[in-house]
């Protein structure tokens, strides 16, 4: 499955959209223009839905930190495929501690250690200065349109991987190789094996490279936040059918 995560482990806490609505917004000044956490989250989802009519908003996750002054969130959209989703991660603040940030891709990481990461590196940042309200919509549009283009190539890649048969011997050899290359750890190996032999999702029951890729990405969920995308990149480099 698509590995998009909202990690709140440094004092942050998950919350609902209604919680965001109740957080007061400080007055703007001549040099600083705060944006309501609620309005920012809704604007991103609304623009994305307009630009991605073939996608459906599946879920949204939100979190706050620094006494609700910092916002972190992810919107995940899906098409006909249950195994791929386009995610949009975002952050902002009401206390000048963070610029407004937006990142999109098939795999997105948003963390309360201020990290925004994406497999496709479609990222935009904007300070809360004059004209941010006018600029923000264009920033969101550009980020989503570029992510949609990048996501299409990922869909093509996944179809290629589904066409490559993989038996147990090849799967075990691949896991051993990735363990030797320190892509997966000894603690993650049993997780990958379990997902390979007994997939949690029906989409990954066929014995092919796409199912193996999913088993491995499931195991990588326990990687340290600052290592997650490095691990995913190494995994993708090894399994990408077009790498040679």
Protein backbone atom coordinates (compact mmCIF):
# COMPACT_ATOMS: atom_id res chain seq x y z
CA UNK A 1 0.00 0.00 0.00
CA UNK A 2 1.01 3.63 -0.37
CA UNK A 3 3.23 4.56 2.56
CA UNK A 4 2.02 7.99 3.63
CA UNK A 5 2.40 8.76 7.31
CA UNK A 6 1.64 11.46 9.83
CA UNK A 7 4.12 11.02 12.68
CA UNK A 8 3.47 12.82 15.95
CA UNK A 9 6.21 11.79 18.35
CA UNK A 10 7.81 15.00 19.61
CA UNK A 11 5.00 16.50 21.64
CA UNK A 12 2.46 16.64 18.81
CA UNK A 13 -0.99 15.14 18.99
CA UNK A 14 -3.49 13.98 16.39
CA UNK A 15 -6.75 15.90 16.16
CA UNK A 16 -9.93 16.23 14.10
CA UNK A 17 -11.06 18.84 11.61
CA UNK A 18 -13.50 20.15 14.20
CA UNK A 19 -10.59 20.58 16.61
CA UNK A 20 -8.81 22.71 14.00
CA UNK A 21 -11.90 24.86 13.57
CA UNK A 22 -11.84 25.81 17.25
CA UNK A 23 -8.20 27.00 17.34
CA UNK A 24 -8.12 30.83 17.46
CA UNK A 25 -6.16 32.74 14.84
CA UNK A 26 -4.01 35.69 15.98
CA UNK A 27 -4.46 39.06 14.27
CA UNK A 28 -2.39 39.79 11.19
CA UNK A 29 0.31 42.42 11.21
CA UNK A 30 2.01 44.41 8.47
CA UNK A 31 4.61 41.66 8.05
CA UNK A 32 2.87 38.48 9.19
CA UNK A 33 -0.35 36.92 7.87
CA UNK A 34 -1.47 33.85 9.85
CA UNK A 35 -3.75 31.31 8.18
CA UNK A 36 -6.41 29.36 10.05
CA UNK A 37 -5.43 25.70 10.39
CA UNK A 38 -8.99 24.77 9.43
CA UNK A 39 -9.12 27.04 6.37
CA UNK A 40 -5.72 25.85 5.13
CA UNK A 41 -6.69 22.18 5.44
CA UNK A 42 -10.05 22.69 3.74
CA UNK A 43 -8.56 24.80 0.93
CA UNK A 44 -6.03 22.12 0.03
CA UNK A 45 -8.68 19.38 -0.02
CA UNK A 46 -11.10 21.49 -2.04
CA UNK A 47 -8.58 22.51 -4.71
CA UNK A 48 -7.27 18.95 -4.97
CA UNK A 49 -10.77 17.58 -5.48
CA UNK A 50 -11.41 20.14 -8.25
CA UNK A 51 -8.13 19.29 -9.99
CA UNK A 52 -8.41 15.54 -9.48
CA UNK A 53 -12.00 14.67 -10.47
CA UNK A 54 -11.05 11.03 -11.08
CA UNK A 55 -9.77 10.73 -7.49
CA UNK A 56 -11.77 10.42 -4.30
CA UNK A 57 -10.68 11.79 -0.93
CA UNK A 58 -10.28 8.64 1.14
CA UNK A 59 -9.02 9.99 4.44
CA UNK A 60 -7.47 13.00 6.14
CA UNK A 61 -5.24 13.09 9.21
CA UNK A 62 -4.35 16.17 11.23
CA UNK A 63 -2.04 16.94 14.11
CA UNK A 64 -0.94 19.98 16.08
CA UNK A 65 2.09 20.85 18.20
CA UNK A 66 3.43 23.77 20.24
CA UNK A 67 0.11 24.36 22.04
CA UNK A 68 -1.84 24.05 18.75
CA UNK A 69 0.27 26.73 17.08
CA UNK A 70 1.75 24.29 14.54
CA UNK A 71 -0.31 22.27 12.08
CA UNK A 72 0.61 19.02 10.30
CA UNK A 73 -1.69 17.05 8.02
CA UNK A 74 -2.17 14.60 5.14
CA UNK A 75 -4.99 14.19 2.62
CA UNK A 76 -4.99 10.87 0.73
CA UNK A 77 -6.86 10.42 -2.55
CA UNK A 78 -7.48 7.19 -4.46
CA UNK A 79 -8.54 6.21 -7.95
CA UNK A 80 -9.70 2.78 -9.07
CA UNK A 81 -6.68 1.19 -7.41
CA UNK A 82 -6.83 0.26 -3.74
CA UNK A 83 -3.08 -0.23 -3.68
CA UNK A 84 -2.04 3.26 -4.81
CA UNK A 85 -2.99 6.63 -3.43
CA UNK A 86 -1.95 10.20 -4.13
CA UNK A 87 -1.21 11.97 -0.86
CA UNK A 88 -0.81 15.66 -0.08
CA UNK A 89 1.06 16.54 3.08
CA UNK A 90 1.05 20.02 4.58
CA UNK A 91 2.18 22.11 7.51
CA UNK A 92 1.71 25.65 8.79
CA UNK A 93 1.86 27.70 11.97
CA UNK A 94 0.16 30.54 13.79
CA UNK A 95 3.23 31.68 15.73
CA UNK A 96 5.78 32.38 12.95
CA UNK A 97 7.65 29.16 13.75
CA UNK A 98 6.93 27.43 10.41
CA UNK A 99 6.44 28.49 6.82
CA UNK A 100 3.37 27.12 5.06
CA UNK A 101 4.51 23.92 3.38
CA UNK A 102 3.00 21.50 0.89
CA UNK A 103 4.31 18.19 -0.44
CA UNK A 104 2.63 15.62 -2.69
CA UNK A 105 3.34 12.15 -4.04
CA UNK A 106 2.50 8.46 -3.74
CA UNK A 107 4.45 8.29 -0.47
CA UNK A 108 4.43 11.30 1.85
CA UNK A 109 5.86 11.76 5.33
CA UNK A 110 4.73 14.60 7.58
CA UNK A 111 6.33 14.69 11.00
CA UNK A 112 6.14 17.01 13.99
CA UNK A 113 9.93 17.29 13.89
CA UNK A 114 9.19 19.76 11.04
CA UNK A 115 9.91 17.20 8.31
CA UNK A 116 8.01 17.18 5.01
CA UNK A 117 9.13 14.45 2.59
CA UNK A 118 7.85 12.87 -0.61
CA UNK A 119 8.93 10.09 -2.95
CA UNK A 120 8.49 12.46 -5.90
CA UNK A 121 9.90 15.56 -4.16
CA UNK A 122 6.95 17.73 -5.23
CA UNK A 123 7.29 20.35 -2.51
CA UNK A 124 6.43 24.02 -2.03
CA UNK A 125 7.13 26.35 0.92
CA UNK A 126 5.84 29.89 1.53
CA UNK A 127 6.42 32.29 4.42
CA UNK A 128 3.40 33.93 6.07
CA UNK A 129 4.12 37.35 4.63
CA UNK A 130 2.08 39.85 2.64
CA UNK A 131 0.14 38.34 -0.29
CA UNK A 132 0.35 34.78 1.07
CA UNK A 133 -3.43 34.39 0.72
CA UNK A 134 -3.23 35.33 -2.96
CA UNK A 135 -0.14 33.19 -3.61
CA UNK A 136 -1.22 30.13 -1.67
CA UNK A 137 -3.90 28.97 -4.09
CA UNK A 138 -1.46 29.06 -7.02
CA UNK A 139 1.14 27.19 -4.97
CA UNK A 140 -1.39 24.46 -4.14
CA UNK A 141 -2.51 24.19 -7.78
CA UNK A 142 1.05 23.89 -9.11
CA UNK A 143 2.00 21.29 -6.52
CA UNK A 144 -1.05 19.11 -7.18
CA UNK A 145 -0.77 19.28 -10.98
CA UNK A 146 2.88 18.28 -10.88
CA UNK A 147 2.12 15.48 -8.43
CA UNK A 148 -0.64 14.16 -10.70
CA UNK A 149 1.83 13.94 -13.58
CA UNK A 150 4.42 12.19 -11.42
CA UNK A 151 1.79 9.86 -9.97
CA UNK A 152 0.84 8.68 -13.46
CA UNK A 153 4.38 7.37 -14.00
CA UNK A 154 4.14 5.54 -10.67
CA UNK A 155 0.89 3.91 -11.80
CA UNK A 156 2.59 2.75 -15.01
CA UNK A 157 5.47 1.38 -12.97
CA UNK A 158 3.13 -0.52 -10.67
CA UNK A 159 1.43 -2.15 -13.68
CA UNK A 160 4.85 -3.25 -14.96
CA UNK A 161 5.69 -4.76 -11.58
CA UNK A 162 2.38 -6.61 -11.49
CA UNK A 163 3.40 -8.28 -14.75
CA UNK A 164 6.62 -9.73 -13.30
CA UNK A 165 5.99 -13.13 -11.62
CA UNK A 166 7.83 -13.81 -8.36
CA UNK A 167 7.96 -17.17 -6.57
CA UNK A 168 8.97 -17.85 -2.99
CA UNK A 169 12.60 -18.55 -3.87
CA UNK A 170 13.03 -15.20 -5.63
CA UNK A 171 11.19 -13.41 -2.82
CA UNK A 172 13.41 -14.96 -0.15
CA UNK A 173 16.56 -14.16 -2.15
CA UNK A 174 15.42 -10.56 -2.53
CA UNK A 175 14.75 -10.20 1.19
CA UNK A 176 18.17 -11.66 1.96
CA UNK A 177 19.86 -9.29 -0.47
CA UNK A 178 18.06 -6.25 0.96
CA UNK A 179 18.95 -7.35 4.49
CA UNK A 180 22.58 -7.68 3.45
CA UNK A 181 22.45 -4.18 1.93
CA UNK A 182 20.94 -2.88 5.20
CA UNK A 183 17.75 -1.73 3.48
CA UNK A 184 15.68 -3.83 5.89
CA UNK A 185 16.71 -4.83 9.40
CA UNK A 186 16.56 -8.15 11.23
CA UNK A 187 13.50 -6.85 13.07
CA UNK A 188 11.77 -5.94 9.79
CA UNK A 189 12.52 -9.22 8.03
CA UNK A 190 9.71 -11.22 9.78
CA UNK A 191 7.23 -8.45 8.91
CA UNK A 192 8.16 -8.61 5.23
CA UNK A 193 7.94 -12.41 5.23
CA UNK A 194 4.53 -12.34 6.90
CA UNK A 195 3.19 -9.82 4.38
CA UNK A 196 4.58 -11.87 1.51
CA UNK A 197 3.10 -15.19 2.64
CA UNK A 198 -0.13 -13.75 4.12
CA UNK A 199 -0.84 -10.33 2.58
CA UNK A 200 -2.99 -8.00 4.66
CA UNK A 201 -4.69 -6.71 1.50
CA UNK A 202 -6.31 -8.81 -1.23
CA UNK A 203 -4.66 -6.70 -3.96
CA UNK A 204 -1.33 -8.24 -3.01
CA UNK A 205 -2.28 -11.91 -3.10
CA UNK A 206 -0.97 -12.44 -6.68
CA UNK A 207 2.62 -13.65 -6.66
CA UNK A 208 4.36 -10.82 -8.47
CA UNK A 209 6.90 -8.06 -7.93
CA UNK A 210 4.25 -5.53 -6.93
CA UNK A 211 3.12 -7.78 -4.06
CA UNK A 212 6.73 -8.25 -2.95
CA UNK A 213 7.29 -4.49 -3.09
CA UNK A 214 4.27 -4.00 -0.83
CA UNK A 215 5.47 -6.62 1.66
CA UNK A 216 8.76 -4.80 1.91
CA UNK A 217 7.23 -1.32 2.23
CA UNK A 218 5.02 -2.60 5.04
CA UNK A 219 8.13 -3.71 6.89
CA UNK A 220 9.77 -0.30 6.42
CA UNK A 221 7.05 1.46 8.43
CA UNK A 222 9.11 0.92 11.57
CA UNK A 223 12.18 2.70 10.14
CA UNK A 224 13.33 5.87 11.94
CA UNK A 225 11.51 8.91 10.44
CA UNK A 226 14.70 10.45 9.08
CA UNK A 227 15.57 7.16 7.34
CA UNK A 228 12.20 6.21 5.86
CA UNK A 229 12.57 7.78 2.43
CA UNK A 230 16.21 6.77 2.14
CA UNK A 231 15.08 3.17 2.69
CA UNK A 232 12.20 3.50 0.23
CA UNK A 233 14.53 4.93 -2.41
CA UNK A 234 16.95 2.01 -1.98
CA UNK A 235 14.06 -0.45 -2.21
CA UNK A 236 12.65 1.24 -5.28
CA UNK A 237 16.07 1.29 -6.97
CA UNK A 238 16.41 -2.47 -6.51
CA UNK A 239 12.88 -3.47 -7.55
CA UNK A 240 12.17 -0.86 -10.22
CA UNK A 241 11.60 -2.87 -13.43
CA UNK A 242 13.08 -0.08 -15.53
CA UNK A 243 16.28 0.37 -13.53
CA UNK A 244 18.36 -1.54 -16.06
